[in-house]
All heavy atoms as atom14 arrays in JSON, in Angstrom:
{
  "sequence": "GMPAVIRPSATRNLVGAVCTDNGIDIISRITIGTDGVISLQNGLSGT",
  "atom14_mask": [
    [1, 1, 1, 1, 0, 0, 0, 0, 0, 0, 0, 0, 0, 0],
    [1, 1, 1, 1, 1, 1, 1, 1, 0, 0, 0, 0, 0, 0],
    [1, 1, 1, 1, 1, 1, 1, 0, 0, 0, 0, 0, 0, 0],
    [1, 1, 1, 1, 1, 0, 0, 0, 0, 0, 0, 0, 0, 0],
    [1, 1, 1, 1, 1, 1, 1, 0, 0, 0, 0, 0, 0, 0],
    [1, 1, 1, 1, 1, 1, 1, 1, 0, 0, 0, 0, 0, 0],
    [1, 1, 1, 1, 1, 1, 1, 1, 1, 1, 1, 0, 0, 0],
    [1, 1, 1, 1, 1, 1, 1, 0, 0, 0, 0, 0, 0, 0],
    [1, 1, 1, 1, 1, 1, 0, 0, 0, 0, 0, 0, 0, 0],
    [1, 1, 1, 1, 1, 0, 0, 0, 0, 0, 0, 0, 0, 0],
    [1, 1, 1, 1, 1, 1, 1, 0, 0, 0, 0, 0, 0, 0],
    [1, 1, 1, 1, 1, 1, 1, 1, 1, 1, 1, 0, 0, 0],
    [1, 1, 1, 1, 1, 1, 1, 1, 0, 0, 0, 0, 0, 0],
    [1, 1, 1, 1, 1, 1, 1, 1, 0, 0, 0, 0, 0, 0],
    [1, 1, 1, 1, 1, 1, 1, 0, 0, 0, 0, 0, 0, 0],
    [1, 1, 1, 1, 0, 0, 0, 0, 0, 0, 0, 0, 0, 0],
    [1, 1, 1, 1, 1, 0, 0, 0, 0, 0, 0, 0, 0, 0],
    [1, 1, 1, 1, 1, 1, 1, 0, 0, 0, 0, 0, 0, 0],
    [1, 1, 1, 1, 1, 1, 0, 0, 0, 0, 0, 0, 0, 0],
    [1, 1, 1, 1, 1, 1, 1, 0, 0, 0, 0, 0, 0, 0],
    [1, 1, 1, 1, 1, 1, 1, 1, 0, 0, 0, 0, 0, 0],
    [1, 1, 1, 1, 1, 1, 1, 1, 0, 0, 0, 0, 0, 0],
    [1, 1, 1, 1, 0, 0, 0, 0, 0, 0, 0, 0, 0, 0],
    [1, 1, 1, 1, 1, 1, 1, 1, 0, 0, 0, 0, 0, 0],
    [1, 1, 1, 1, 1, 1, 1, 1, 0, 0, 0, 0, 0, 0],
    [1, 1, 1, 1, 1, 1, 1, 1, 0, 0, 0, 0, 0, 0],
    [1, 1, 1, 1, 1, 1, 1, 1, 0, 0, 0, 0, 0, 0],
    [1, 1, 1, 1, 1, 1, 0, 0, 0, 0, 0, 0, 0, 0],
    [1, 1, 1, 1, 1, 1, 1, 1, 1, 1, 1, 0, 0, 0],
    [1, 1, 1, 1, 1, 1, 1, 1, 0, 0, 0, 0, 0, 0],
    [1, 1, 1, 1, 1, 1, 1, 0, 0, 0, 0, 0, 0, 0],
    [1, 1, 1, 1, 1, 1, 1, 1, 0, 0, 0, 0, 0, 0],
    [1, 1, 1, 1, 0, 0, 0, 0, 0, 0, 0, 0, 0, 0],
    [1, 1, 1, 1, 1, 1, 1, 0, 0, 0, 0, 0, 0, 0],
    [1, 1, 1, 1, 1, 1, 1, 1, 0, 0, 0, 0, 0, 0],
    [1, 1, 1, 1, 0, 0, 0, 0, 0, 0, 0, 0, 0, 0],
    [1, 1, 1, 1, 1, 1, 1, 0, 0, 0, 0, 0, 0, 0],
    [1, 1, 1, 1, 1, 1, 1, 1, 0, 0, 0, 0, 0, 0],
    [1, 1, 1, 1, 1, 1, 0, 0, 0, 0, 0, 0, 0, 0],
    [1, 1, 1, 1, 1, 1, 1, 1, 0, 0, 0, 0, 0, 0],
    [1, 1, 1, 1, 1, 1, 1, 1, 1, 0, 0, 0, 0, 0],
    [1, 1, 1, 1, 1, 1, 1, 1, 0, 0, 0, 0, 0, 0],
    [1, 1, 1, 1, 0, 0, 0, 0, 0, 0, 0, 0, 0, 0],
    [1, 1, 1, 1, 1, 1, 1, 1, 0, 0, 0, 0, 0, 0],
    [1, 1, 1, 1, 1, 1, 0, 0, 0, 0, 0, 0, 0, 0],
    [1, 1, 1, 1, 0, 0, 0, 0, 0, 0, 0, 0, 0, 0],
    [1, 1, 1, 1, 1, 1, 1, 0, 0, 0, 0, 0, 0, 0]
  ],
  "atom14_positions": [
    [[-8.46, 0.99, 9.84], [-8.56, 0.49, 11.2], [-7.23, 0.27, 11.9], [-7.16, -0.41, 12.92], [0.0, 0.0, 0.0], [0.0, 0.0, 0.0], [0.0, 0.0, 0.0], [0.0, 0.0, 0.0], [0.0, 0.0, 0.0], [0.0, 0.0, 0.0], [0.0, 0.0, 0.0], [0.0, 0.0, 0.0], [0.0, 0.0, 0.0], [0.0, 0.0, 0.0]],
    [[-6.15, 0.84, 11.39], [-4.84, 0.67, 12.01], [-4.83, 1.37, 13.37], [-5.23, 2.54, 13.47], [-3.75, 1.28, 11.11], [-2.37, 1.23, 11.71], [-1.13, 2.12, 10.73], [-0.98, 1.01, 9.34], [0.0, 0.0, 0.0], [0.0, 0.0, 0.0], [0.0, 0.0, 0.0], [0.0, 0.0, 0.0], [0.0, 0.0, 0.0], [0.0, 0.0, 0.0]],
    [[-4.4, 0.7, 14.42], [-4.33, 1.34, 15.75], [-3.38, 2.54, 15.73], [-2.36, 2.53, 15.03], [-3.77, 0.24, 16.65], [-4.02, -1.04, 15.93], [-3.98, -0.71, 14.48], [0.0, 0.0, 0.0], [0.0, 0.0, 0.0], [0.0, 0.0, 0.0], [0.0, 0.0, 0.0], [0.0, 0.0, 0.0], [0.0, 0.0, 0.0], [0.0, 0.0, 0.0]],
    [[-3.7, 3.57, 16.48], [-2.91, 4.8, 16.5], [-1.46, 4.55, 16.91], [-0.55, 5.22, 16.43], [-3.55, 5.82, 17.43], [0.0, 0.0, 0.0], [0.0, 0.0, 0.0], [0.0, 0.0, 0.0], [0.0, 0.0, 0.0], [0.0, 0.0, 0.0], [0.0, 0.0, 0.0], [0.0, 0.0, 0.0], [0.0, 0.0, 0.0], [0.0, 0.0, 0.0]],
    [[-1.22, 3.59, 17.75], [0.13, 3.34, 18.27], [1.11, 2.87, 17.18], [2.32, 3.01, 17.34], [0.08, 2.36, 19.45], [-0.27, 0.95, 19.0], [1.37, 2.37, 20.23], [0.0, 0.0, 0.0], [0.0, 0.0, 0.0], [0.0, 0.0, 0.0], [0.0, 0.0, 0.0], [0.0, 0.0, 0.0], [0.0, 0.0, 0.0], [0.0, 0.0, 0.0]],
    [[0.62, 2.33, 16.06], [1.52, 1.87, 15.0], [1.41, 2.71, 13.73], [1.92, 2.33, 12.68], [1.32, 0.37, 14.68], [-0.09, 0.09, 14.16], [1.67, -0.49, 15.88], [-0.26, -1.31, 13.6], [0.0, 0.0, 0.0], [0.0, 0.0, 0.0], [0.0, 0.0, 0.0], [0.0, 0.0, 0.0], [0.0, 0.0, 0.0], [0.0, 0.0, 0.0]],
    [[0.79, 3.88, 13.83], [0.71, 4.78, 12.67], [2.03, 5.54, 12.54], [2.59, 6.0, 13.52], [-0.44, 5.76, 12.84], [-1.78, 5.08, 12.8], [-2.91, 6.05, 12.98], [-4.17, 5.33, 13.03], [-5.34, 5.91, 13.22], [-5.41, 7.23, 13.39], [-6.43, 5.19, 13.26], [0.0, 0.0, 0.0], [0.0, 0.0, 0.0], [0.0, 0.0, 0.0]],
    [[2.53, 5.7, 11.31], [3.79, 6.43, 11.12], [3.61, 7.93, 11.34], [2.51, 8.46, 11.17], [4.16, 6.12, 9.68], [2.86, 5.86, 9.0], [1.99, 5.21, 10.04], [0.0, 0.0, 0.0], [0.0, 0.0, 0.0], [0.0, 0.0, 0.0], [0.0, 0.0, 0.0], [0.0, 0.0, 0.0], [0.0, 0.0, 0.0], [0.0, 0.0, 0.0]],
    [[4.7, 8.61, 11.67], [4.65, 10.07, 11.87], [4.61, 10.83, 10.54], [4.27, 12.0, 10.51], [5.86, 10.52, 12.7], [7.06, 10.19, 12.03], [0.0, 0.0, 0.0], [0.0, 0.0, 0.0], [0.0, 0.0, 0.0], [0.0, 0.0, 0.0], [0.0, 0.0, 0.0], [0.0, 0.0, 0.0], [0.0, 0.0, 0.0], [0.0, 0.0, 0.0]],
    [[4.99, 10.16, 9.45], [4.92, 10.73, 8.1], [4.46, 9.63, 7.15], [4.65, 8.44, 7.44], [6.29, 11.26, 7.67], [0.0, 0.0, 0.0], [0.0, 0.0, 0.0], [0.0, 0.0, 0.0], [0.0, 0.0, 0.0], [0.0, 0.0, 0.0], [0.0, 0.0, 0.0], [0.0, 0.0, 0.0], [0.0, 0.0, 0.0], [0.0, 0.0, 0.0]],
    [[3.86, 9.99, 6.05], [3.4, 9.01, 5.06], [4.57, 8.17, 4.57], [5.65, 8.69, 4.3], [2.73, 9.72, 3.88], [1.6, 10.45, 4.38], [2.27, 8.74, 2.82], [0.0, 0.0, 0.0], [0.0, 0.0, 0.0], [0.0, 0.0, 0.0], [0.0, 0.0, 0.0], [0.0, 0.0, 0.0], [0.0, 0.0, 0.0], [0.0, 0.0, 0.0]],
    [[4.37, 6.86, 4.48], [5.4, 5.94, 4.0], [4.94, 5.33, 2.68], [3.8, 4.87, 2.55], [5.63, 4.81, 5.01], [5.98, 5.28, 6.4], [7.3, 5.99, 6.43], [7.58, 6.44, 7.79], [8.33, 7.47, 8.08], [8.88, 8.16, 7.12], [8.55, 7.81, 9.33], [0.0, 0.0, 0.0], [0.0, 0.0, 0.0], [0.0, 0.0, 0.0]],
    [[5.83, 5.33, 1.7], [5.56, 4.73, 0.39], [6.5, 3.55, 0.2], [7.72, 3.7, 0.32], [5.78, 5.76, -0.71], [4.78, 6.88, -0.63], [3.59, 6.67, -0.8], [5.25, 8.08, -0.32], [0.0, 0.0, 0.0], [0.0, 0.0, 0.0], [0.0, 0.0, 0.0], [0.0, 0.0, 0.0], [0.0, 0.0, 0.0], [0.0, 0.0, 0.0]],
    [[5.93, 2.4, -0.09], [6.7, 1.17, -0.23], [6.38, 0.52, -1.56], [5.29, 0.67, -2.11], [6.36, 0.2, 0.9], [6.43, 0.77, 2.32], [5.67, -0.11, 3.28], [7.86, 0.93, 2.74], [0.0, 0.0, 0.0], [0.0, 0.0, 0.0], [0.0, 0.0, 0.0], [0.0, 0.0, 0.0], [0.0, 0.0, 0.0], [0.0, 0.0, 0.0]],
    [[7.32, -0.24, -2.1], [7.14, -0.95, -3.35], [7.61, -2.38, -3.15], [8.58, -2.62, -2.43], [7.96, -0.31, -4.5], [7.82, -1.11, -5.78], [7.52, 1.12, -4.71], [0.0, 0.0, 0.0], [0.0, 0.0, 0.0], [0.0, 0.0, 0.0], [0.0, 0.0, 0.0], [0.0, 0.0, 0.0], [0.0, 0.0, 0.0], [0.0, 0.0, 0.0]],
    [[6.94, -3.33, -3.77], [7.49, -4.67, -3.76], [6.56, -5.79, -3.36], [6.9, -6.94, -3.53], [0.0, 0.0, 0.0], [0.0, 0.0, 0.0], [0.0, 0.0, 0.0], [0.0, 0.0, 0.0], [0.0, 0.0, 0.0], [0.0, 0.0, 0.0], [0.0, 0.0, 0.0], [0.0, 0.0, 0.0], [0.0, 0.0, 0.0], [0.0, 0.0, 0.0]],
    [[5.38, -5.49, -2.84], [4.46, -6.55, -2.5], [3.9, -7.16, -3.78], [3.56, -6.46, -4.71], [3.32, -6.03, -1.64], [0.0, 0.0, 0.0], [0.0, 0.0, 0.0], [0.0, 0.0, 0.0], [0.0, 0.0, 0.0], [0.0, 0.0, 0.0], [0.0, 0.0, 0.0], [0.0, 0.0, 0.0], [0.0, 0.0, 0.0], [0.0, 0.0, 0.0]],
    [[3.82, -8.47, -3.83], [3.24, -9.13, -5.0], [1.77, -9.37, -4.73], [1.4, -9.99, -3.74], [3.96, -10.46, -5.31], [3.29, -11.17, -6.47], [5.43, -10.2, -5.62], [0.0, 0.0, 0.0], [0.0, 0.0, 0.0], [0.0, 0.0, 0.0], [0.0, 0.0, 0.0], [0.0, 0.0, 0.0], [0.0, 0.0, 0.0], [0.0, 0.0, 0.0]],
    [[0.93, -8.85, -5.59], [-0.51, -9.04, -5.5], [-0.99, -9.65, -6.81], [-0.23, -9.77, -7.76], [-1.21, -7.7, -5.27], [-0.83, -6.96, -3.68], [0.0, 0.0, 0.0], [0.0, 0.0, 0.0], [0.0, 0.0, 0.0], [0.0, 0.0, 0.0], [0.0, 0.0, 0.0], [0.0, 0.0, 0.0], [0.0, 0.0, 0.0], [0.0, 0.0, 0.0]],
    [[-2.25, -10.01, -6.86], [-2.85, -10.56, -8.07], [-3.94, -9.62, -8.54], [-4.78, -9.19, -7.76], [-3.44, -11.95, -7.79], [-2.41, -12.8, -7.32], [-4.04, -12.56, -9.04], [0.0, 0.0, 0.0], [0.0, 0.0, 0.0], [0.0, 0.0, 0.0], [0.0, 0.0, 0.0], [0.0, 0.0, 0.0], [0.0, 0.0, 0.0], [0.0, 0.0, 0.0]],
    [[-3.92, -9.3, -9.81], [-4.94, -8.45, -10.42], [-5.49, -9.18, -11.64], [-4.8, -9.32, -12.65], [-4.34, -7.1, -10.81], [-5.37, -6.14, -11.35], [-6.58, -6.43, -11.26], [-4.97, -5.09, -11.86], [0.0, 0.0, 0.0], [0.0, 0.0, 0.0], [0.0, 0.0, 0.0], [0.0, 0.0, 0.0], [0.0, 0.0, 0.0], [0.0, 0.0, 0.0]],
    [[-6.7, -9.69, -11.52], [-7.36, -10.4, -12.61], [-6.53, -11.59, -13.08], [-6.36, -11.83, -14.28], [-7.66, -9.44, -13.77], [-8.76, -9.96, -14.68], [-9.52, -10.84, -14.31], [-8.84, -9.41, -15.87], [0.0, 0.0, 0.0], [0.0, 0.0, 0.0], [0.0, 0.0, 0.0], [0.0, 0.0, 0.0], [0.0, 0.0, 0.0], [0.0, 0.0, 0.0]],
    [[-5.96, -12.31, -12.12], [-5.2, -13.51, -12.41], [-3.75, -13.29, -12.79], [-3.02, -14.24, -13.07], [0.0, 0.0, 0.0], [0.0, 0.0, 0.0], [0.0, 0.0, 0.0], [0.0, 0.0, 0.0], [0.0, 0.0, 0.0], [0.0, 0.0, 0.0], [0.0, 0.0, 0.0], [0.0, 0.0, 0.0], [0.0, 0.0, 0.0], [0.0, 0.0, 0.0]],
    [[-3.28, -12.04, -12.8], [-1.9, -11.73, -13.16], [-1.17, -11.22, -11.94], [-1.65, -10.31, -11.25], [-1.86, -10.67, -14.29], [-2.56, -11.21, -15.53], [-0.43, -10.25, -14.59], [-2.78, -10.18, -16.61], [0.0, 0.0, 0.0], [0.0, 0.0, 0.0], [0.0, 0.0, 0.0], [0.0, 0.0, 0.0], [0.0, 0.0, 0.0], [0.0, 0.0, 0.0]],
    [[0.01, -11.78, -11.65], [0.82, -11.3, -10.53], [1.42, -9.95, -10.89], [1.95, -9.77, -12.0], [1.93, -12.29, -10.19], [1.39, -13.56, -9.56], [0.26, -13.53, -9.04], [2.1, -14.56, -9.58], [0.0, 0.0, 0.0], [0.0, 0.0, 0.0], [0.0, 0.0, 0.0], [0.0, 0.0, 0.0], [0.0, 0.0, 0.0], [0.0, 0.0, 0.0]],
    [[1.34, -9.0, -9.96], [1.85, -7.65, -10.19], [2.67, -7.21, -8.98], [2.53, -7.73, -7.89], [0.7, -6.64, -10.41], [-0.23, -6.63, -9.2], [-0.06, -6.93, -11.69], [-1.23, -5.5, -9.17], [0.0, 0.0, 0.0], [0.0, 0.0, 0.0], [0.0, 0.0, 0.0], [0.0, 0.0, 0.0], [0.0, 0.0, 0.0], [0.0, 0.0, 0.0]],
    [[3.53, -6.25, -9.2], [4.23, -5.59, -8.11], [3.36, -4.42, -7.68], [2.97, -3.58, -8.51], [5.62, -5.09, -8.54], [6.48, -6.24, -9.02], [6.3, -4.31, -7.41], [6.79, -7.28, -7.96], [0.0, 0.0, 0.0], [0.0, 0.0, 0.0], [0.0, 0.0, 0.0], [0.0, 0.0, 0.0], [0.0, 0.0, 0.0], [0.0, 0.0, 0.0]],
    [[3.05, -4.34, -6.4], [2.16, -3.31, -5.9], [2.93, -2.2, -5.19], [4.01, -2.41, -4.68], [1.16, -3.89, -4.92], [0.31, -4.79, -5.56], [0.0, 0.0, 0.0], [0.0, 0.0, 0.0], [0.0, 0.0, 0.0], [0.0, 0.0, 0.0], [0.0, 0.0, 0.0], [0.0, 0.0, 0.0], [0.0, 0.0, 0.0], [0.0, 0.0, 0.0]],
    [[2.31, -1.03, -5.19], [2.78, 0.08, -4.37], [1.89, 0.13, -3.14], [0.67, -0.07, -3.23], [2.68, 1.39, -5.13], [3.62, 1.46, -6.31], [3.54, 2.78, -7.0], [2.16, 3.02, -7.47], [1.83, 4.0, -8.26], [2.73, 4.85, -8.68], [0.59, 4.14, -8.67], [0.0, 0.0, 0.0], [0.0, 0.0, 0.0], [0.0, 0.0, 0.0]],
    [[2.5, 0.41, -2.01], [1.76, 0.49, -0.75], [2.04, 1.86, -0.14], [3.2, 2.27, -0.03], [2.21, -0.59, 0.24], [2.01, -1.98, -0.36], [1.47, -0.46, 1.57], [2.64, -3.08, 0.45], [0.0, 0.0, 0.0], [0.0, 0.0, 0.0], [0.0, 0.0, 0.0], [0.0, 0.0, 0.0], [0.0, 0.0, 0.0], [0.0, 0.0, 0.0]],
    [[1.0, 2.57, 0.24], [1.14, 3.83, 0.93], [0.51, 3.68, 2.31], [-0.63, 3.24, 2.42], [0.45, 4.98, 0.17], [1.04, 5.08, -1.13], [0.61, 6.3, 0.9], [0.0, 0.0, 0.0], [0.0, 0.0, 0.0], [0.0, 0.0, 0.0], [0.0, 0.0, 0.0], [0.0, 0.0, 0.0], [0.0, 0.0, 0.0], [0.0, 0.0, 0.0]],
    [[1.27, 4.0, 3.35], [0.77, 3.96, 4.72], [0.64, 5.4, 5.18], [1.64, 6.11, 5.32], [1.7, 3.16, 5.64], [1.9, 1.76, 5.08], [1.13, 3.12, 7.06], [2.95, 0.96, 5.79], [0.0, 0.0, 0.0], [0.0, 0.0, 0.0], [0.0, 0.0, 0.0], [0.0, 0.0, 0.0], [0.0, 0.0, 0.0], [0.0, 0.0, 0.0]],
    [[-0.58, 5.83, 5.41], [-0.84, 7.21, 5.8], [-0.79, 7.43, 7.3], [-0.93, 6.49, 8.09], [0.0, 0.0, 0.0], [0.0, 0.0, 0.0], [0.0, 0.0, 0.0], [0.0, 0.0, 0.0], [0.0, 0.0, 0.0], [0.0, 0.0, 0.0], [0.0, 0.0, 0.0], [0.0, 0.0, 0.0], [0.0, 0.0, 0.0], [0.0, 0.0, 0.0]],
    [[-0.59, 8.66, 7.68], [-0.57, 9.01, 9.1], [-1.95, 8.85, 9.74], [-2.07, 8.81, 10.95], [-0.08, 10.45, 9.29], [-0.94, 11.33, 8.56], [1.35, 10.61, 8.83], [0.0, 0.0, 0.0], [0.0, 0.0, 0.0], [0.0, 0.0, 0.0], [0.0, 0.0, 0.0], [0.0, 0.0, 0.0], [0.0, 0.0, 0.0], [0.0, 0.0, 0.0]],
    [[-2.98, 8.73, 8.91], [-4.35, 8.52, 9.4], [-4.66, 7.04, 9.63], [-5.75, 6.68, 10.03], [-5.36, 9.1, 8.43], [-5.25, 8.52, 7.02], [-4.34, 7.68, 6.76], [-6.07, 8.9, 6.16], [0.0, 0.0, 0.0], [0.0, 0.0, 0.0], [0.0, 0.0, 0.0], [0.0, 0.0, 0.0], [0.0, 0.0, 0.0], [0.0, 0.0, 0.0]],
    [[-3.66, 6.17, 9.35], [-3.85, 4.75, 9.59], [-4.45, 3.99, 8.42], [-4.82, 2.84, 8.55], [0.0, 0.0, 0.0], [0.0, 0.0, 0.0], [0.0, 0.0, 0.0], [0.0, 0.0, 0.0], [0.0, 0.0, 0.0], [0.0, 0.0, 0.0], [0.0, 0.0, 0.0], [0.0, 0.0, 0.0], [0.0, 0.0, 0.0], [0.0, 0.0, 0.0]],
    [[-4.53, 4.62, 7.25], [-5.07, 3.96, 6.07], [-3.92, 3.43, 5.22], [-2.98, 4.15, 4.91], [-5.95, 4.93, 5.23], [-6.4, 4.26, 3.95], [-7.14, 5.39, 6.05], [0.0, 0.0, 0.0], [0.0, 0.0, 0.0], [0.0, 0.0, 0.0], [0.0, 0.0, 0.0], [0.0, 0.0, 0.0], [0.0, 0.0, 0.0], [0.0, 0.0, 0.0]],
    [[-4.0, 2.15, 4.86], [-3.03, 1.53, 3.97], [-3.68, 1.44, 2.6], [-4.76, 0.86, 2.45], [-2.64, 0.12, 4.47], [-2.0, 0.2, 5.85], [-1.69, -0.55, 3.48], [-1.75, -1.14, 6.5], [0.0, 0.0, 0.0], [0.0, 0.0, 0.0], [0.0, 0.0, 0.0], [0.0, 0.0, 0.0], [0.0, 0.0, 0.0], [0.0, 0.0, 0.0]],
    [[-3.04, 2.03, 1.59], [-3.56, 2.01, 0.22], [-2.7, 1.11, -0.64], [-1.47, 1.2, -0.62], [-3.55, 3.42, -0.37], [-4.38, 4.27, 0.37], [0.0, 0.0, 0.0], [0.0, 0.0, 0.0], [0.0, 0.0, 0.0], [0.0, 0.0, 0.0], [0.0, 0.0, 0.0], [0.0, 0.0, 0.0], [0.0, 0.0, 0.0], [0.0, 0.0, 0.0]],
    [[-3.34, 0.23, -1.38], [-2.66, -0.67, -2.31], [-2.96, -0.21, -3.72], [-4.1, 0.09, -4.05], [-3.18, -2.1, -2.13], [-3.13, -2.67, -0.72], [-3.85, -4.0, -0.67], [-1.7, -2.81, -0.26], [0.0, 0.0, 0.0], [0.0, 0.0, 0.0], [0.0, 0.0, 0.0], [0.0, 0.0, 0.0], [0.0, 0.0, 0.0], [0.0, 0.0, 0.0]],
    [[-1.93, -0.16, -4.55], [-2.11, 0.27, -5.93], [-1.36, -0.67, -6.86], [-0.3, -1.19, -6.51], [-1.58, 1.69, -6.13], [-2.27, 2.7, -5.26], [-1.57, 4.04, -5.31], [-0.37, 4.12, -5.43], [-2.34, 5.11, -5.21], [0.0, 0.0, 0.0], [0.0, 0.0, 0.0], [0.0, 0.0, 0.0], [0.0, 0.0, 0.0], [0.0, 0.0, 0.0]],
    [[-1.9, -0.84, -8.05], [-1.22, -1.6, -9.08], [0.04, -0.82, -9.45], [-0.03, 0.36, -9.79], [-2.13, -1.75, -10.3], [-1.51, -2.56, -11.4], [-0.32, -2.48, -11.67], [-2.33, -3.35, -12.06], [0.0, 0.0, 0.0], [0.0, 0.0, 0.0], [0.0, 0.0, 0.0], [0.0, 0.0, 0.0], [0.0, 0.0, 0.0], [0.0, 0.0, 0.0]],
    [[1.2, -1.45, -9.35], [2.46, -0.77, -9.58], [2.66, -0.27, -11.0], [3.46, 0.62, -11.24], [0.0, 0.0, 0.0], [0.0, 0.0, 0.0], [0.0, 0.0, 0.0], [0.0, 0.0, 0.0], [0.0, 0.0, 0.0], [0.0, 0.0, 0.0], [0.0, 0.0, 0.0], [0.0, 0.0, 0.0], [0.0, 0.0, 0.0], [0.0, 0.0, 0.0]],
    [[1.92, -0.82, -11.96], [2.08, -0.4, -13.35], [1.13, 0.74, -13.72], [1.54, 1.77, -14.22], [1.86, -1.58, -14.29], [2.81, -2.75, -14.11], [2.42, -3.9, -15.02], [4.25, -2.31, -14.38], [0.0, 0.0, 0.0], [0.0, 0.0, 0.0], [0.0, 0.0, 0.0], [0.0, 0.0, 0.0], [0.0, 0.0, 0.0], [0.0, 0.0, 0.0]],
    [[-0.14, 0.55, -13.45], [-1.13, 1.54, -13.89], [-1.68, 2.39, -12.75], [-2.33, 3.4, -12.99], [-2.3, 0.83, -14.58], [-3.02, 0.05, -13.64], [0.0, 0.0, 0.0], [0.0, 0.0, 0.0], [0.0, 0.0, 0.0], [0.0, 0.0, 0.0], [0.0, 0.0, 0.0], [0.0, 0.0, 0.0], [0.0, 0.0, 0.0], [0.0, 0.0, 0.0]],
    [[-1.45, 1.99, -11.51], [-1.99, 2.73, -10.38], [-3.33, 2.22, -9.89], [-3.7, 2.44, -8.76], [0.0, 0.0, 0.0], [0.0, 0.0, 0.0], [0.0, 0.0, 0.0], [0.0, 0.0, 0.0], [0.0, 0.0, 0.0], [0.0, 0.0, 0.0], [0.0, 0.0, 0.0], [0.0, 0.0, 0.0], [0.0, 0.0, 0.0], [0.0, 0.0, 0.0]],
    [[-4.08, 1.54, -10.77], [-5.39, 1.03, -10.37], [-5.51, -0.45, -10.75], [-4.85, -0.93, -11.65], [-6.53, 1.8, -11.05], [-6.38, 1.7, -12.47], [-6.52, 3.27, -10.66], [0.0, 0.0, 0.0], [0.0, 0.0, 0.0], [0.0, 0.0, 0.0], [0.0, 0.0, 0.0], [0.0, 0.0, 0.0], [0.0, 0.0, 0.0], [0.0, 0.0, 0.0]]
  ]
}
């Protein structure tokens, strides 16, 4: 649901957000697509 006006012109890959997975803090990978979809992944295993 990202508005078109703030979508990047190329896919952006970022690292460093701290998330929680089953009670454990993890470093997450974030991918921001040109289609406006932000994907969050576990930085260690990907899922």
